[in-house]
């Protein structure tokens, strides 16, 4: 570890194959600088004690293209088996004197060094097993792992990340608010690269938390959708056809970008929504914000809550929330799988099955009044 620095290491995961891009995204450039160089520059400017850089796909090309002085470079020969192998390789290389490790993703070049320092300080002050950074209620990366959980993470099998152990440490997880939208930004496609290169890093929490269209008529049931993918957009369209007020929950989307939405909630805080007697929530965040969104909807007493996830992921979310003392009867009301069983496959078909289930629930509740 470097003298004068913290006892926290940084493990930078840069071994991926970038299948969707077709080229090593670590070497794609923003303003003349590779993504990986920018990420490393931010890490170097922080108070981490050492930096372990895990390479795999195109490792020779990456090492020729970037400065590796002061880095501990680890080559993961099993990179094709997924990120889990890189995580294990990186943790195995952390110095024995390190007290914790930040797990930094190479394709997140907008995370500020001050954010990394805030996570380090959170570990020094509170000594949790795991720290998850939160921006406006949305969880992001990098995650900080205390040394006490290294062995548990390294024992994981298959292509799984450190999130697989979170359910066993609910009492020792610190969700740390940060004012850095960069924790939510990564580059998975050429569209991501072009959009973020053109727009740059979004400004810090200065837009209104709730953005609404003018002239909304009160009294309509509300459909709250957490997510912005094709399924979320199809749900918004169906919701408008069925006379729901449609609210999309996303930190960066603007109202003009999604004509099917009536509101955009830029913070994952349902208490910011206007009062409504009928509110139906669909969590379709592809695993990113599942737990926080379901928790918010359950505690707010929504009329209907559905989680779009496979069986294993849904069980993980429910188990984690149960460990946080949310009553089992409330969690039992969460619908996963979401929607009526109509054999839906496409986003539009899945959206149709969910809206059909919501209509069924509405009509059943009307009979009880």
Protein backbone atom coordinates (compact mmCIF):
# COMPACT_ATOMS: atom_id res chain seq x y z
CA UNK A 1 0.00 0.00 0.00
CA UNK A 2 1.16 3.55 -0.71
CA UNK A 3 2.37 5.50 2.29
CA UNK A 4 -0.06 8.21 3.35
CA UNK A 5 -2.97 6.66 1.50
CA UNK A 6 -5.97 4.77 2.88
CA UNK A 7 -6.01 1.05 3.49
CA UNK A 8 -8.60 0.63 0.73
CA UNK A 9 -7.57 -0.88 -2.60
CA UNK A 10 -9.25 -0.31 -5.97
CA UNK A 11 -9.92 -3.31 -8.20
CA UNK A 12 -10.57 -2.04 -11.73
CA UNK A 13 -12.38 -4.63 -13.86
CA UNK A 14 -11.36 -4.23 -17.52
CA UNK A 15 -11.28 -7.78 -18.88
CA UNK A 16 -14.61 -7.90 -20.73
CA UNK A 17 -15.11 -8.80 -24.38
CA UNK A 18 -17.48 -5.92 -25.24
CA UNK A 19 -19.61 -8.20 -27.43
CA UNK A 20 -22.27 -5.57 -28.08
CA UNK A 21 -19.68 -3.05 -29.28
CA UNK A 22 -17.56 -5.48 -31.29
CA UNK A 23 -14.36 -3.75 -30.16
CA UNK A 24 -12.61 -3.40 -26.77
CA UNK A 25 -14.61 -0.59 -25.18
CA UNK A 26 -11.76 0.07 -22.75
CA UNK A 27 -9.94 1.68 -25.70
CA UNK A 28 -12.81 3.74 -27.10
CA UNK A 29 -12.09 7.45 -26.82
CA UNK A 30 -13.88 10.39 -25.26
CA UNK A 31 -12.28 13.78 -25.93
CA UNK A 32 -9.09 12.09 -27.07
CA UNK A 33 -8.73 9.91 -23.99
CA UNK A 34 -9.61 6.24 -23.73
CA UNK A 35 -12.43 5.25 -21.41
CA UNK A 36 -10.05 3.18 -19.31
CA UNK A 37 -7.49 6.01 -19.05
CA UNK A 38 -10.16 8.38 -17.81
CA UNK A 39 -11.42 5.85 -15.28
CA UNK A 40 -7.88 5.21 -14.03
CA UNK A 41 -7.18 8.95 -13.85
CA UNK A 42 -10.11 9.38 -11.48
CA UNK A 43 -9.04 6.40 -9.37
CA UNK A 44 -5.43 7.63 -9.20
CA UNK A 45 -6.67 11.03 -7.98
CA UNK A 46 -8.47 9.39 -5.05
CA UNK A 47 -7.08 8.18 -1.73
CA UNK A 48 -6.95 4.48 -2.60
CA UNK A 49 -3.83 2.74 -1.35
CA UNK A 50 -3.25 0.55 -4.41
CA UNK A 51 -4.82 -0.09 -7.81
CA UNK A 52 -5.26 -3.57 -9.26
CA UNK A 53 -6.13 -3.56 -12.95
CA UNK A 54 -7.70 -6.79 -14.18
CA UNK A 55 -7.30 -7.39 -17.92
CA UNK A 56 -8.40 -10.26 -20.14
CA UNK A 57 -9.74 -9.72 -23.65
CA UNK A 58 -7.20 -7.83 -25.80
CA UNK A 59 -4.91 -7.52 -22.77
CA UNK A 60 -1.79 -6.87 -24.87
CA UNK A 61 -3.51 -4.11 -26.85
CA UNK A 62 -4.76 -2.47 -23.67
CA UNK A 63 -1.34 -2.56 -22.00
CA UNK A 64 0.27 -0.96 -25.04
CA UNK A 65 -2.35 1.79 -25.15
CA UNK A 66 -2.37 2.95 -21.53
CA UNK A 67 0.16 3.89 -18.87
CA UNK A 68 0.38 1.10 -16.30
CA UNK A 69 2.98 2.63 -14.00
CA UNK A 70 1.99 2.22 -10.38
CA UNK A 71 -0.67 -0.36 -11.21
CA UNK A 72 -0.71 -4.01 -10.26
CA UNK A 73 -1.79 -5.64 -13.53
CA UNK A 74 -3.53 -9.02 -13.31
CA UNK A 75 -4.35 -11.06 -16.42
CA UNK A 76 -7.54 -13.09 -16.11
CA UNK A 77 -7.19 -15.97 -18.55
CA UNK A 78 -10.77 -17.09 -17.82
CA UNK A 79 -12.36 -13.76 -18.80
CA UNK A 80 -14.70 -15.45 -21.29
CA UNK A 81 -16.52 -17.05 -18.35
CA UNK A 82 -17.75 -13.66 -17.19
CA UNK A 83 -17.15 -10.81 -14.77
CA UNK A 84 -17.16 -13.11 -11.75
CA UNK A 85 -13.78 -14.54 -12.74
CA UNK A 86 -12.29 -11.03 -12.97
CA UNK A 87 -13.69 -10.14 -9.58
CA UNK A 88 -12.09 -13.21 -8.03
CA UNK A 89 -8.76 -12.57 -9.77
CA UNK A 90 -8.71 -8.96 -8.64
CA UNK A 91 -9.52 -9.66 -5.00
CA UNK A 92 -6.85 -12.38 -4.89
CA UNK A 93 -4.25 -9.74 -5.84
CA UNK A 94 -5.22 -7.22 -3.15
CA UNK A 95 -2.45 -6.66 -0.60
CA UNK A 96 -2.86 -8.44 2.72
CA UNK A 97 -2.68 -5.07 4.48
CA UNK A 98 -5.74 -3.72 2.68
CA UNK A 99 -8.86 -3.35 4.80
CA UNK A 100 -11.32 -3.14 1.89
CA UNK A 101 -11.60 -2.88 -1.89
CA UNK A 102 -13.55 -0.64 -4.24
CA UNK A 103 -14.84 -2.65 -7.21
CA UNK A 104 -14.51 -0.19 -10.09
CA UNK A 105 -15.95 -0.89 -13.55
CA UNK A 106 -13.70 0.22 -16.41
CA UNK A 107 -16.61 1.64 -18.41
CA UNK A 108 -17.63 4.22 -15.80
CA UNK A 109 -15.31 7.14 -16.58
CA UNK A 110 -17.56 9.83 -15.07
CA UNK A 111 -17.22 8.83 -11.40
CA UNK A 112 -15.38 11.58 -9.55
CA UNK A 113 -12.43 10.93 -7.26
CA UNK A 114 -14.29 12.76 -4.48
CA UNK A 115 -17.01 10.10 -4.69
CA UNK A 116 -14.43 7.34 -4.24
CA UNK A 117 -13.04 9.21 -1.24
CA UNK A 118 -16.54 9.54 0.23
CA UNK A 119 -16.95 5.75 0.05
CA UNK A 120 -13.54 5.25 1.67
CA UNK A 121 -14.47 7.66 4.45
CA UNK A 122 -17.79 5.85 4.92
CA UNK A 123 -15.91 2.61 5.44
CA UNK A 124 -13.46 4.15 7.88
CA UNK A 125 -16.24 5.71 9.93
CA UNK A 126 -18.93 3.01 9.96
CA UNK A 127 -17.00 -0.24 9.19
CA UNK A 128 -19.84 -1.91 7.20
CA UNK A 129 -19.28 -5.12 5.25
CA UNK A 130 -20.55 -3.52 2.03
CA UNK A 131 -21.11 0.06 0.86
CA UNK A 132 -23.38 0.85 -2.09
CA UNK A 133 -23.39 4.41 -3.47
CA UNK A 134 -26.83 5.94 -4.01
CA UNK A 135 -27.72 8.88 -6.27
CA UNK A 136 -31.24 10.32 -5.80
CA UNK A 137 -32.29 6.96 -4.33
CA UNK A 138 -30.86 4.94 -7.26
CA UNK A 139 -28.06 2.47 -6.49
CA UNK A 140 -24.89 2.52 -8.55
CA UNK A 141 -21.22 1.57 -8.66
CA UNK A 142 -18.52 1.19 -7.44
CA UNK A 143 -19.36 -1.06 -4.52
CA UNK A 144 -16.96 -1.18 -1.59
CA UNK A 145 -16.28 -4.57 -0.01
CA UNK A 146 -14.78 -4.98 3.45
CA UNK A 147 -12.01 -7.57 3.65
CA UNK A 148 -14.26 -9.72 5.85
CA UNK A 149 -16.35 -10.64 2.77
CA UNK A 150 -13.49 -11.24 0.30
CA UNK A 151 -13.45 -15.00 0.88
CA UNK A 152 -17.21 -15.21 0.46
CA UNK A 153 -17.07 -13.39 -2.88
CA UNK A 154 -14.13 -15.47 -4.10
CA UNK A 155 -16.05 -18.66 -3.29
CA UNK A 156 -18.87 -17.76 -5.68
CA UNK A 157 -19.16 -19.98 -8.74
CA UNK A 158 -20.05 -19.05 -12.30
CA UNK A 159 -20.57 -15.64 -13.84
CA UNK A 160 -21.91 -13.85 -10.79
CA UNK A 161 -20.86 -10.60 -9.19
CA UNK A 162 -20.60 -9.45 -5.61
CA UNK A 163 -24.34 -8.69 -5.49
CA UNK A 164 -24.87 -12.42 -4.97
CA UNK A 165 -23.78 -12.07 -1.32
CA UNK A 166 -25.78 -8.93 -0.49
CA UNK A 167 -28.80 -10.87 0.74
CA UNK A 168 -26.69 -12.42 3.51
CA UNK A 169 -25.43 -9.06 4.77
CA UNK A 170 -28.52 -6.85 4.86
CA UNK A 171 -27.70 -5.59 8.36
CA UNK A 172 -24.13 -4.74 7.36
CA UNK A 173 -24.81 -2.86 4.11
CA UNK A 174 -24.45 0.91 4.11
CA UNK A 175 -26.33 2.67 1.32
CA UNK A 176 -24.37 5.89 1.07
CA UNK A 177 -25.90 8.93 -0.69
CA UNK A 178 -23.54 10.68 -3.12
CA UNK A 179 -24.11 13.70 -5.35
CA UNK A 180 -22.53 12.09 -8.39
CA UNK A 181 -24.68 10.90 -11.32
CA UNK A 182 -21.56 9.20 -12.70
CA UNK A 183 -22.22 6.20 -10.46
CA UNK A 184 -25.20 5.35 -12.70
CA UNK A 185 -23.50 5.87 -16.07
CA UNK A 186 -21.77 3.12 -18.01
CA UNK A 187 -21.13 2.34 -21.66
CA UNK A 188 -22.71 -0.82 -23.04
CA UNK A 189 -23.39 0.17 -26.63
CA UNK A 190 -22.31 2.53 -29.39
CA UNK A 191 -25.44 4.58 -28.69
CA UNK A 192 -24.34 5.00 -25.06
CA UNK A 193 -20.92 6.18 -26.17
CA UNK A 194 -22.25 8.67 -28.73
CA UNK A 195 -24.96 10.02 -26.44
CA UNK A 196 -22.69 10.46 -23.42
CA UNK A 197 -19.80 11.81 -25.48
CA UNK A 198 -22.09 14.47 -26.95
CA UNK A 199 -23.88 15.40 -23.74
CA UNK A 200 -21.10 14.84 -21.25
CA UNK A 201 -21.73 13.93 -17.63
CA UNK A 202 -25.21 15.03 -16.47
CA UNK A 203 -25.22 17.92 -14.03
CA UNK A 204 -25.68 17.09 -10.39
CA UNK A 205 -29.26 16.91 -9.07
CA UNK A 206 -30.35 20.35 -10.30
CA UNK A 207 -33.44 19.38 -12.32
CA UNK A 208 -36.78 19.12 -10.57
CA UNK A 209 -37.32 15.77 -8.88
CA UNK A 210 -40.76 15.49 -10.50
CA UNK A 211 -41.40 16.64 -14.07
CA UNK A 212 -45.06 16.79 -15.17
CA UNK A 213 -46.99 17.65 -18.31
CA UNK A 214 -49.26 20.66 -18.11
CA UNK A 215 -53.01 20.16 -17.95
CA UNK A 216 -53.06 16.72 -16.29
CA UNK A 217 -56.61 15.82 -15.31
CA UNK A 218 -56.81 14.54 -11.72
CA UNK A 219 -58.73 11.45 -10.71
CA UNK A 220 -57.23 8.93 -13.13
CA UNK A 221 -55.54 5.77 -11.85
CA UNK A 222 -51.75 6.06 -12.00
CA UNK A 223 -49.31 3.62 -13.60
CA UNK A 224 -45.78 3.95 -12.17
CA UNK A 225 -43.09 2.26 -14.26
CA UNK A 226 -39.53 1.94 -12.97
CA UNK A 227 -37.36 1.54 -16.07
CA UNK A 228 -37.05 2.90 -19.58
CA UNK A 229 -36.48 -0.12 -21.85
CA UNK A 230 -38.78 -1.37 -24.61
CA UNK A 231 -41.09 -3.02 -22.07
CA UNK A 232 -41.39 0.19 -20.04
CA UNK A 233 -42.18 2.17 -23.17
CA UNK A 234 -44.83 -0.37 -24.23
CA UNK A 235 -46.39 -0.15 -20.75
CA UNK A 236 -46.51 3.63 -21.08
CA UNK A 237 -48.34 3.38 -24.40
CA UNK A 238 -50.88 0.88 -23.07
CA UNK A 239 -51.35 2.98 -19.95
CA UNK A 240 -52.23 6.06 -21.98
CA UNK A 241 -54.72 4.09 -24.10
CA UNK A 242 -56.41 2.85 -20.91
CA UNK A 243 -56.58 6.38 -19.42
CA UNK A 244 -53.95 5.93 -16.74
CA UNK A 245 -51.71 8.77 -15.68
CA UNK A 246 -48.30 7.37 -16.62
CA UNK A 247 -45.27 8.09 -14.44
CA UNK A 248 -41.82 6.86 -15.49
CA UNK A 249 -39.11 6.62 -12.84
CA UNK A 250 -35.62 7.37 -14.18
CA UNK A 251 -32.79 9.67 -13.03
CA UNK A 252 -31.93 11.15 -16.44
CA UNK A 253 -34.86 10.79 -18.87
CA UNK A 254 -36.60 14.03 -19.78
CA UNK A 255 -40.33 14.28 -20.42
CA UNK A 256 -39.88 15.34 -24.04
CA UNK A 257 -37.99 12.10 -24.75
CA UNK A 258 -40.95 9.83 -23.94
CA UNK A 259 -44.25 11.06 -25.40
CA UNK A 260 -46.18 8.27 -23.67
CA UNK A 261 -45.35 9.59 -20.20
CA UNK A 262 -47.26 12.17 -18.18
CA UNK A 263 -44.64 12.48 -15.44
CA UNK A 264 -40.97 11.66 -14.95
CA UNK A 265 -39.82 11.03 -11.39
CA UNK A 266 -36.07 11.71 -11.26
CA UNK A 267 -35.62 10.46 -7.71
CA UNK A 268 -36.50 7.01 -6.44
CA UNK A 269 -38.77 8.43 -3.76
CA UNK A 270 -42.47 7.74 -4.22
CA UNK A 271 -43.40 10.18 -1.45
CA UNK A 272 -42.72 12.94 -4.02
CA UNK A 273 -45.74 11.85 -6.11
CA UNK A 274 -49.08 13.66 -5.72
CA UNK A 275 -51.73 11.95 -3.65
CA UNK A 276 -53.61 9.15 -5.46
CA UNK A 277 -56.10 6.54 -4.34
CA UNK A 278 -55.13 4.17 -7.17
CA UNK A 279 -51.49 3.57 -7.96
CA UNK A 280 -50.12 0.56 -9.83
CA UNK A 281 -46.37 -0.05 -9.97
CA UNK A 282 -44.32 -2.14 -12.40
CA UNK A 283 -40.62 -2.52 -11.62
CA UNK A 284 -38.81 -3.21 -14.89
CA UNK A 285 -35.31 -1.92 -14.13
CA UNK A 286 -33.44 -5.02 -15.34
CA UNK A 287 -32.12 -5.70 -11.86
CA UNK A 288 -30.60 -2.28 -11.32
CA UNK A 289 -33.13 -0.67 -8.95
CA UNK A 290 -35.39 -3.64 -8.15
CA UNK A 291 -34.96 -3.78 -4.41
CA UNK A 292 -35.36 -0.08 -3.66
CA UNK A 293 -38.34 0.30 -6.02
CA UNK A 294 -40.24 -2.70 -4.64
CA UNK A 295 -39.52 -1.55 -1.09
CA UNK A 296 -40.86 1.93 -1.82
CA UNK A 297 -44.01 0.60 -3.47
CA UNK A 298 -44.72 -1.87 -0.67
CA UNK A 299 -44.27 0.70 2.08
CA UNK A 300 -46.42 3.20 0.17
CA UNK A 301 -49.28 0.69 -0.03
CA UNK A 302 -49.71 0.68 -3.81
CA UNK A 303 -52.76 -1.10 -5.19
CA UNK A 304 -50.62 -3.39 -7.34
CA UNK A 305 -46.88 -4.14 -7.45
CA UNK A 306 -45.20 -6.28 -10.09
CA UNK A 307 -41.53 -7.15 -10.47
CA UNK A 308 -40.33 -8.07 -13.95
CA UNK A 309 -37.57 -10.57 -13.15
CA UNK A 310 -36.80 -14.26 -13.35
CA UNK A 311 -37.75 -16.49 -10.44
CA UNK A 312 -34.28 -16.53 -8.87
CA UNK A 313 -33.89 -12.77 -8.96
CA UNK A 314 -37.40 -12.21 -7.58
CA UNK A 315 -36.68 -14.56 -4.69
CA UNK A 316 -33.44 -12.68 -3.93
CA UNK A 317 -35.29 -9.36 -3.79
CA UNK A 318 -38.09 -10.68 -1.57
CA UNK A 319 -35.61 -12.42 0.75
CA UNK A 320 -33.52 -9.28 1.09
CA UNK A 321 -36.54 -7.11 1.85
CA UNK A 322 -37.83 -9.67 4.33
CA UNK A 323 -34.52 -9.46 6.16
CA UNK A 324 -35.14 -5.71 6.48
CA UNK A 325 -38.25 -6.39 8.58
CA UNK A 326 -40.82 -5.72 5.88
CA UNK A 327 -43.87 -7.85 6.82
CA UNK A 328 -44.16 -11.12 4.90
CA UNK A 329 -47.84 -10.50 4.10
CA UNK A 330 -46.94 -7.26 2.33
CA UNK A 331 -44.16 -8.92 0.33
CA UNK A 332 -46.53 -11.77 -0.61
CA UNK A 333 -48.56 -9.23 -2.59
CA UNK A 334 -45.65 -8.55 -4.97
CA UNK A 335 -46.39 -10.23 -8.29
CA UNK A 336 -43.43 -12.04 -9.81
CA UNK A 337 -43.60 -13.19 -12.50
CA UNK A 338 -45.52 -10.14 -13.62
CA UNK A 339 -48.61 -10.37 -15.79
CA UNK A 340 -51.21 -12.95 -16.73
CA UNK A 341 -49.90 -16.24 -18.18
CA UNK A 342 -50.62 -15.68 -21.88
CA UNK A 343 -47.31 -17.00 -23.20
CA UNK A 344 -45.98 -13.47 -23.78
CA UNK A 345 -42.52 -13.13 -25.32
CA UNK A 346 -42.05 -9.72 -26.93
CA UNK A 347 -41.94 -6.52 -24.86
CA UNK A 348 -45.34 -5.53 -26.22
CA UNK A 349 -46.85 -8.91 -25.34
CA UNK A 350 -45.38 -8.80 -21.82
CA UNK A 351 -46.73 -5.27 -21.39
CA UNK A 352 -50.15 -6.45 -22.56
CA UNK A 353 -50.14 -9.31 -20.03
CA UNK A 354 -49.22 -6.91 -17.21
CA UNK A 355 -51.87 -4.36 -18.14
CA UNK A 356 -54.44 -7.17 -18.36
CA UNK A 357 -53.49 -8.20 -14.83
CA UNK A 358 -53.78 -4.61 -13.61
CA UNK A 359 -57.25 -4.28 -15.17
CA UNK A 360 -58.25 -7.56 -13.49
CA UNK A 361 -57.06 -6.27 -10.10
CA UNK A 362 -58.89 -2.96 -10.58
CA UNK A 363 -62.19 -4.64 -11.42
CA UNK A 364 -61.88 -7.04 -8.48
CA UNK A 365 -61.22 -4.15 -6.09
CA UNK A 366 -64.21 -2.21 -7.47
CA UNK A 367 -66.47 -5.14 -6.55
CA UNK A 368 -65.28 -4.93 -2.95
CA UNK A 369 -66.22 -1.26 -2.61
